[in-house]
Amino acid sequence: MKAEKIPVLIGMVLIILLAFLIIWQAGIFGVSKGRLEQDARERQHVANSWEMAQAVDDNICAMLFYDEDKGEYAYSIYLTRDGLSYGYFYRQGGTDAYMEEGVKGLVFENKGIALLSLNEDKVCKIVVDNSVEKKTIQVDSNEPFAIVLPIDCSAITMYDAQENVVTLYDSFTGA
């Protein structure tokens, strides 16, 4: 009687293993919040010596990596997926001249907005208006930054230390 149960047990283990492999290949599992930096550094071959500016919310993770003199940099964007999934999924990355020269805004439909900059414009304040209230975000004018904002921002205005308005270069990427 015990010998008859062994093939059944092996069959059940194989079915469970096969189901796990199918789920894994379906792309349900992303990167956990705690492993985002490590995954981005590995994916884009970013040196551990580079600094990082990062912002994460429930929908987006925006990271900007840069070397000591800010001569070289790379960015990474991760998004969560709707439906049955866990973690963050790599969406895009690389370099963008607008991040080097000014502030780049990446708009992801239904997810939010990522602002990334090496901060050559010396942005020190970002005012976000969502038609209900205005929120002011202070930024170190000497440091690069990554900021994640909700999608319902109707106006984003950035200022340098002299209260001059800084141009936002944005692009709609969909999601």
C-alpha atoms as a PDB file:
ATOM      1  CA  MET A   1       0.000   0.000   0.000  1.00  0.00           C
ATOM      2  CA  LYS A   2       2.867   2.403   0.783  1.00  0.00           C
ATOM      3  CA  ALA A   3       4.547   1.650  -2.546  1.00  0.00           C
ATOM      4  CA  GLU A   4       1.379   2.799  -4.360  1.00  0.00           C
ATOM      5  CA  LYS A   5       1.470   6.226  -2.637  1.00  0.00           C
ATOM      6  CA  ILE A   6       5.008   7.090  -3.784  1.00  0.00           C
ATOM      7  CA  PRO A   7       4.120   7.585  -7.492  1.00  0.00           C
ATOM      8  CA  VAL A   8       1.095   9.688  -6.481  1.00  0.00           C
ATOM      9  CA  LEU A   9       3.277  11.842  -4.199  1.00  0.00           C
ATOM     10  CA  ILE A  10       5.928  12.278  -6.912  1.00  0.00           C
ATOM     11  CA  GLY A  11       3.190  13.214  -9.400  1.00  0.00           C
ATOM     12  CA  MET A  12       1.792  15.864  -7.035  1.00  0.00           C
ATOM     13  CA  VAL A  13       5.242  17.350  -6.460  1.00  0.00           C
ATOM     14  CA  LEU A  14       5.847  17.521 -10.221  1.00  0.00           C
ATOM     15  CA  ILE A  15       2.472  19.203 -10.795  1.00  0.00           C
ATOM     16  CA  ILE A  16       3.210  21.804  -8.102  1.00  0.00           C
ATOM     17  CA  LEU A  17       6.676  22.422  -9.557  1.00  0.00           C
ATOM     18  CA  LEU A  18       5.244  22.773 -13.074  1.00  0.00           C
ATOM     19  CA  ALA A  19       2.568  25.216 -11.836  1.00  0.00           C
ATOM     20  CA  PHE A  20       5.253  27.286 -10.082  1.00  0.00           C
ATOM     21  CA  LEU A  21       7.369  27.415 -13.264  1.00  0.00           C
ATOM     22  CA  ILE A  22       4.370  28.486 -15.352  1.00  0.00           C
ATOM     23  CA  ILE A  23       3.545  31.283 -12.890  1.00  0.00           C
ATOM     24  CA  TRP A  24       7.192  32.375 -12.793  1.00  0.00           C
ATOM     25  CA  GLN A  25       7.395  32.545 -16.593  1.00  0.00           C
ATOM     26  CA  ALA A  26       4.122  34.493 -16.774  1.00  0.00           C
ATOM     27  CA  GLY A  27       5.916  37.541 -15.374  1.00  0.00           C
ATOM     28  CA  ILE A  28       3.878  37.835 -12.199  1.00  0.00           C
ATOM     29  CA  PHE A  29       6.891  38.353  -9.946  1.00  0.00           C
ATOM     30  CA  GLY A  30       8.807  41.595 -10.206  1.00  0.00           C
ATOM     31  CA  VAL A  31      11.563  43.075  -8.073  1.00  0.00           C
ATOM     32  CA  SER A  32      10.839  43.735  -4.414  1.00  0.00           C
ATOM     33  CA  LYS A  33      11.180  47.282  -3.098  1.00  0.00           C
ATOM     34  CA  GLY A  34      14.270  46.275  -1.120  1.00  0.00           C
ATOM     35  CA  ARG A  35      16.106  44.965  -4.212  1.00  0.00           C
ATOM     36  CA  LEU A  36      15.357  47.794  -6.667  1.00  0.00           C
ATOM     37  CA  GLU A  37      18.732  49.513  -6.381  1.00  0.00           C
ATOM     38  CA  GLN A  38      20.660  46.250  -6.695  1.00  0.00           C
ATOM     39  CA  ASP A  39      18.598  45.158  -9.711  1.00  0.00           C
ATOM     40  CA  ALA A  40      19.058  48.507 -11.479  1.00  0.00           C
ATOM     41  CA  ARG A  41      22.823  48.519 -10.861  1.00  0.00           C
ATOM     42  CA  GLU A  42      23.137  44.981 -12.250  1.00  0.00           C
ATOM     43  CA  ARG A  43      20.824  45.593 -15.219  1.00  0.00           C
ATOM     44  CA  GLN A  44      22.608  48.761 -16.335  1.00  0.00           C
ATOM     45  CA  HIS A  45      26.114  47.900 -15.125  1.00  0.00           C
ATOM     46  CA  VAL A  46      26.263  50.857 -12.724  1.00  0.00           C
ATOM     47  CA  ALA A  47      29.320  50.956 -10.457  1.00  0.00           C
ATOM     48  CA  ASN A  48      28.757  50.656  -6.715  1.00  0.00           C
ATOM     49  CA  SER A  49      30.810  53.828  -6.238  1.00  0.00           C
ATOM     50  CA  TRP A  50      28.181  55.950  -8.019  1.00  0.00           C
ATOM     51  CA  GLU A  51      25.756  57.931  -5.879  1.00  0.00           C
ATOM     52  CA  MET A  52      22.008  57.569  -6.274  1.00  0.00           C
ATOM     53  CA  ALA A  53      18.935  59.772  -5.976  1.00  0.00           C
ATOM     54  CA  GLN A  54      15.794  57.669  -5.580  1.00  0.00           C
ATOM     55  CA  ALA A  55      12.064  58.107  -5.113  1.00  0.00           C
ATOM     56  CA  VAL A  56       9.560  55.280  -4.689  1.00  0.00           C
ATOM     57  CA  ASP A  57       5.813  55.155  -4.206  1.00  0.00           C
ATOM     58  CA  ASP A  58       3.247  52.387  -4.659  1.00  0.00           C
ATOM     59  CA  ASN A  59       3.380  52.683  -8.471  1.00  0.00           C
ATOM     60  CA  ILE A  60       6.782  54.004  -9.575  1.00  0.00           C
ATOM     61  CA  CYS A  61      10.421  53.787  -8.598  1.00  0.00           C
ATOM     62  CA  ALA A  62      12.696  56.423 -10.165  1.00  0.00           C
ATOM     63  CA  MET A  63      16.473  56.200  -9.698  1.00  0.00           C
ATOM     64  CA  LEU A  64      19.227  58.469 -10.956  1.00  0.00           C
ATOM     65  CA  PHE A  65      22.792  57.165 -10.615  1.00  0.00           C
ATOM     66  CA  TYR A  66      25.772  59.479 -11.078  1.00  0.00           C
ATOM     67  CA  ASP A  67      29.528  59.521 -10.593  1.00  0.00           C
ATOM     68  CA  GLU A  68      31.393  61.874  -8.259  1.00  0.00           C
ATOM     69  CA  ASP A  69      31.745  64.760 -10.759  1.00  0.00           C
ATOM     70  CA  LYS A  70      28.294  64.135 -12.288  1.00  0.00           C
ATOM     71  CA  GLY A  71      29.963  63.633 -15.665  1.00  0.00           C
ATOM     72  CA  GLU A  72      28.428  60.204 -16.152  1.00  0.00           C
ATOM     73  CA  TYR A  73      24.955  59.104 -15.131  1.00  0.00           C
ATOM     74  CA  ALA A  74      22.180  56.621 -15.784  1.00  0.00           C
ATOM     75  CA  TYR A  75      18.537  56.475 -14.798  1.00  0.00           C
ATOM     76  CA  SER A  76      16.160  53.583 -14.167  1.00  0.00           C
ATOM     77  CA  ILE A  77      12.384  53.524 -13.994  1.00  0.00           C
ATOM     78  CA  TYR A  78      10.420  50.628 -12.522  1.00  0.00           C
ATOM     79  CA  LEU A  79       6.618  50.377 -12.513  1.00  0.00           C
ATOM     80  CA  THR A  80       4.152  48.122 -10.767  1.00  0.00           C
ATOM     81  CA  ARG A  81       1.657  46.228 -12.888  1.00  0.00           C
ATOM     82  CA  ASP A  82      -2.094  46.192 -12.547  1.00  0.00           C
ATOM     83  CA  GLY A  83      -3.776  42.912 -11.813  1.00  0.00           C
ATOM     84  CA  LEU A  84      -2.158  39.819 -10.369  1.00  0.00           C
ATOM     85  CA  SER A  85       1.499  40.691  -9.882  1.00  0.00           C
ATOM     86  CA  TYR A  86       4.046  41.355  -7.170  1.00  0.00           C
ATOM     87  CA  GLY A  87       6.831  43.917  -7.106  1.00  0.00           C
ATOM     88  CA  TYR A  88       8.216  46.429  -9.577  1.00  0.00           C
ATOM     89  CA  PHE A  89       9.069  45.753 -13.215  1.00  0.00           C
ATOM     90  CA  TYR A  90      11.830  47.476 -15.188  1.00  0.00           C
ATOM     91  CA  ARG A  91      10.315  49.922 -17.665  1.00  0.00           C
ATOM     92  CA  GLN A  92      13.142  52.037 -19.053  1.00  0.00           C
ATOM     93  CA  GLY A  93      16.548  53.470 -18.348  1.00  0.00           C
ATOM     94  CA  GLY A  94      19.744  54.837 -19.793  1.00  0.00           C
ATOM     95  CA  THR A  95      20.744  58.455 -20.301  1.00  0.00           C
ATOM     96  CA  ASP A  96      18.765  61.494 -21.406  1.00  0.00           C
ATOM     97  CA  ALA A  97      20.284  64.880 -22.255  1.00  0.00           C
ATOM     98  CA  TYR A  98      17.357  66.680 -20.621  1.00  0.00           C
ATOM     99  CA  MET A  99      18.308  65.159 -17.242  1.00  0.00           C
ATOM    100  CA  GLU A 100      21.836  66.427 -17.679  1.00  0.00           C
ATOM    101  CA  GLU A 101      20.896  69.933 -18.800  1.00  0.00           C
ATOM    102  CA  GLY A 102      17.621  70.464 -16.926  1.00  0.00           C
ATOM    103  CA  VAL A 103      14.738  68.518 -15.425  1.00  0.00           C
ATOM    104  CA  LYS A 104      13.101  65.618 -17.251  1.00  0.00           C
ATOM    105  CA  GLY A 105       9.544  64.620 -16.406  1.00  0.00           C
ATOM    106  CA  LEU A 106       8.372  61.171 -17.409  1.00  0.00           C
ATOM    107  CA  VAL A 107       4.591  60.804 -17.319  1.00  0.00           C
ATOM    108  CA  PHE A 108       3.225  57.276 -16.951  1.00  0.00           C
ATOM    109  CA  GLU A 109      -0.518  57.062 -17.586  1.00  0.00           C
ATOM    110  CA  ASN A 110      -2.404  55.907 -14.469  1.00  0.00           C
ATOM    111  CA  LYS A 111       0.857  55.529 -12.519  1.00  0.00           C
ATOM    112  CA  GLY A 112       2.385  58.943 -11.900  1.00  0.00           C
ATOM    113  CA  ILE A 113       5.156  61.319 -12.879  1.00  0.00           C
ATOM    114  CA  ALA A 114       8.894  60.898 -12.313  1.00  0.00           C
ATOM    115  CA  LEU A 115      11.095  64.011 -12.209  1.00  0.00           C
ATOM    116  CA  LEU A 116      14.820  63.376 -12.713  1.00  0.00           C
ATOM    117  CA  SER A 117      17.696  65.837 -12.900  1.00  0.00           C
ATOM    118  CA  LEU A 118      21.414  66.214 -12.298  1.00  0.00           C
ATOM    119  CA  ASN A 119      20.258  69.672 -11.168  1.00  0.00           C
ATOM    120  CA  GLU A 120      22.433  71.911 -13.322  1.00  0.00           C
ATOM    121  CA  ASP A 121      19.620  74.482 -13.081  1.00  0.00           C
ATOM    122  CA  LYS A 122      20.012  74.542  -9.260  1.00  0.00           C
ATOM    123  CA  VAL A 123      16.350  73.772  -8.568  1.00  0.00           C
ATOM    124  CA  CYS A 124      15.605  74.341  -4.889  1.00  0.00           C
ATOM    125  CA  LYS A 125      11.802  74.232  -4.792  1.00  0.00           C
ATOM    126  CA  ILE A 126       9.064  72.382  -6.662  1.00  0.00           C
ATOM    127  CA  VAL A 127       5.449  73.481  -6.293  1.00  0.00           C
ATOM    128  CA  VAL A 128       2.822  70.904  -7.217  1.00  0.00           C
ATOM    129  CA  ASP A 129      -0.811  71.947  -7.694  1.00  0.00           C
ATOM    130  CA  ASN A 130      -3.509  69.308  -8.036  1.00  0.00           C
ATOM    131  CA  SER A 131      -6.445  71.787  -8.219  1.00  0.00           C
ATOM    132  CA  VAL A 132      -7.292  71.137  -4.560  1.00  0.00           C
ATOM    133  CA  GLU A 133      -4.086  72.096  -2.798  1.00  0.00           C
ATOM    134  CA  LYS A 134      -0.542  73.234  -3.474  1.00  0.00           C
ATOM    135  CA  LYS A 135       2.341  71.210  -2.136  1.00  0.00           C
ATOM    136  CA  THR A 136       5.902  72.520  -1.928  1.00  0.00           C
ATOM    137  CA  ILE A 137       8.832  70.107  -2.159  1.00  0.00           C
ATOM    138  CA  GLN A 138      12.237  71.420  -1.083  1.00  0.00           C
ATOM    139  CA  VAL A 139      15.234  70.185  -3.087  1.00  0.00           C
ATOM    140  CA  ASP A 140      18.952  70.589  -2.361  1.00  0.00           C
ATOM    141  CA  SER A 141      20.065  72.902  -5.171  1.00  0.00           C
ATOM    142  CA  ASN A 142      23.538  71.340  -5.232  1.00  0.00           C
ATOM    143  CA  GLU A 143      22.424  67.721  -5.582  1.00  0.00           C
ATOM    144  CA  PRO A 144      20.772  65.627  -8.305  1.00  0.00           C
ATOM    145  CA  PHE A 145      17.236  64.528  -7.535  1.00  0.00           C
ATOM    146  CA  ALA A 146      14.550  61.998  -8.330  1.00  0.00           C
ATOM    147  CA  ILE A 147      10.970  62.744  -7.328  1.00  0.00           C
ATOM    148  CA  VAL A 148       7.795  60.753  -7.901  1.00  0.00           C
ATOM    149  CA  LEU A 149       4.462  62.579  -8.052  1.00  0.00           C
ATOM    150  CA  PRO A 150       0.883  61.346  -8.414  1.00  0.00           C
ATOM    151  CA  ILE A 151      -0.692  61.488 -11.863  1.00  0.00           C
ATOM    152  CA  ASP A 152      -3.341  64.028 -10.797  1.00  0.00           C
ATOM    153  CA  CYS A 153      -0.916  66.997 -10.736  1.00  0.00           C
ATOM    154  CA  SER A 154      -2.415  69.748 -12.829  1.00  0.00           C
ATOM    155  CA  ALA A 155       0.622  72.018 -12.560  1.00  0.00           C
ATOM    156  CA  ILE A 156       4.277  71.526 -11.644  1.00  0.00           C
ATOM    157  CA  THR A 157       6.407  74.650 -11.221  1.00  0.00           C
ATOM    158  CA  MET A 158      10.095  74.552 -10.319  1.00  0.00           C
ATOM    159  CA  TYR A 159      12.195  77.411  -8.991  1.00  0.00           C
ATOM    160  CA  ASP A 160      15.883  78.090  -8.530  1.00  0.00           C
ATOM    161  CA  ALA A 161      17.311  80.059  -5.556  1.00  0.00           C
ATOM    162  CA  GLN A 162      16.562  83.406  -7.273  1.00  0.00           C
ATOM    163  CA  GLU A 163      12.891  82.381  -7.711  1.00  0.00           C
ATOM    164  CA  ASN A 164      13.334  81.996 -11.480  1.00  0.00           C
ATOM    165  CA  VAL A 165      11.057  79.392 -13.059  1.00  0.00           C
ATOM    166  CA  VAL A 166      12.972  76.360 -14.323  1.00  0.00           C
ATOM    167  CA  THR A 167      11.769  74.622 -17.490  1.00  0.00           C
ATOM    168  CA  LEU A 168      10.423  71.095 -17.225  1.00  0.00           C
ATOM    169  CA  TYR A 169      11.031  68.857 -20.242  1.00  0.00           C
ATOM    170  CA  ASP A 170       8.314  66.258 -20.045  1.00  0.00           C
ATOM    171  CA  SER A 171       7.350  63.318 -22.140  1.00  0.00           C
ATOM    172  CA  PHE A 172       4.242  61.152 -22.038  1.00  0.00           C
ATOM    173  CA  THR A 173       5.219  57.512 -22.085  1.00  0.00           C
ATOM    174  CA  GLY A 174       1.930  55.750 -21.526  1.00  0.00           C
ATOM    175  CA  ALA A 175       1.975  52.725 -19.269  1.00  0.00           C
END
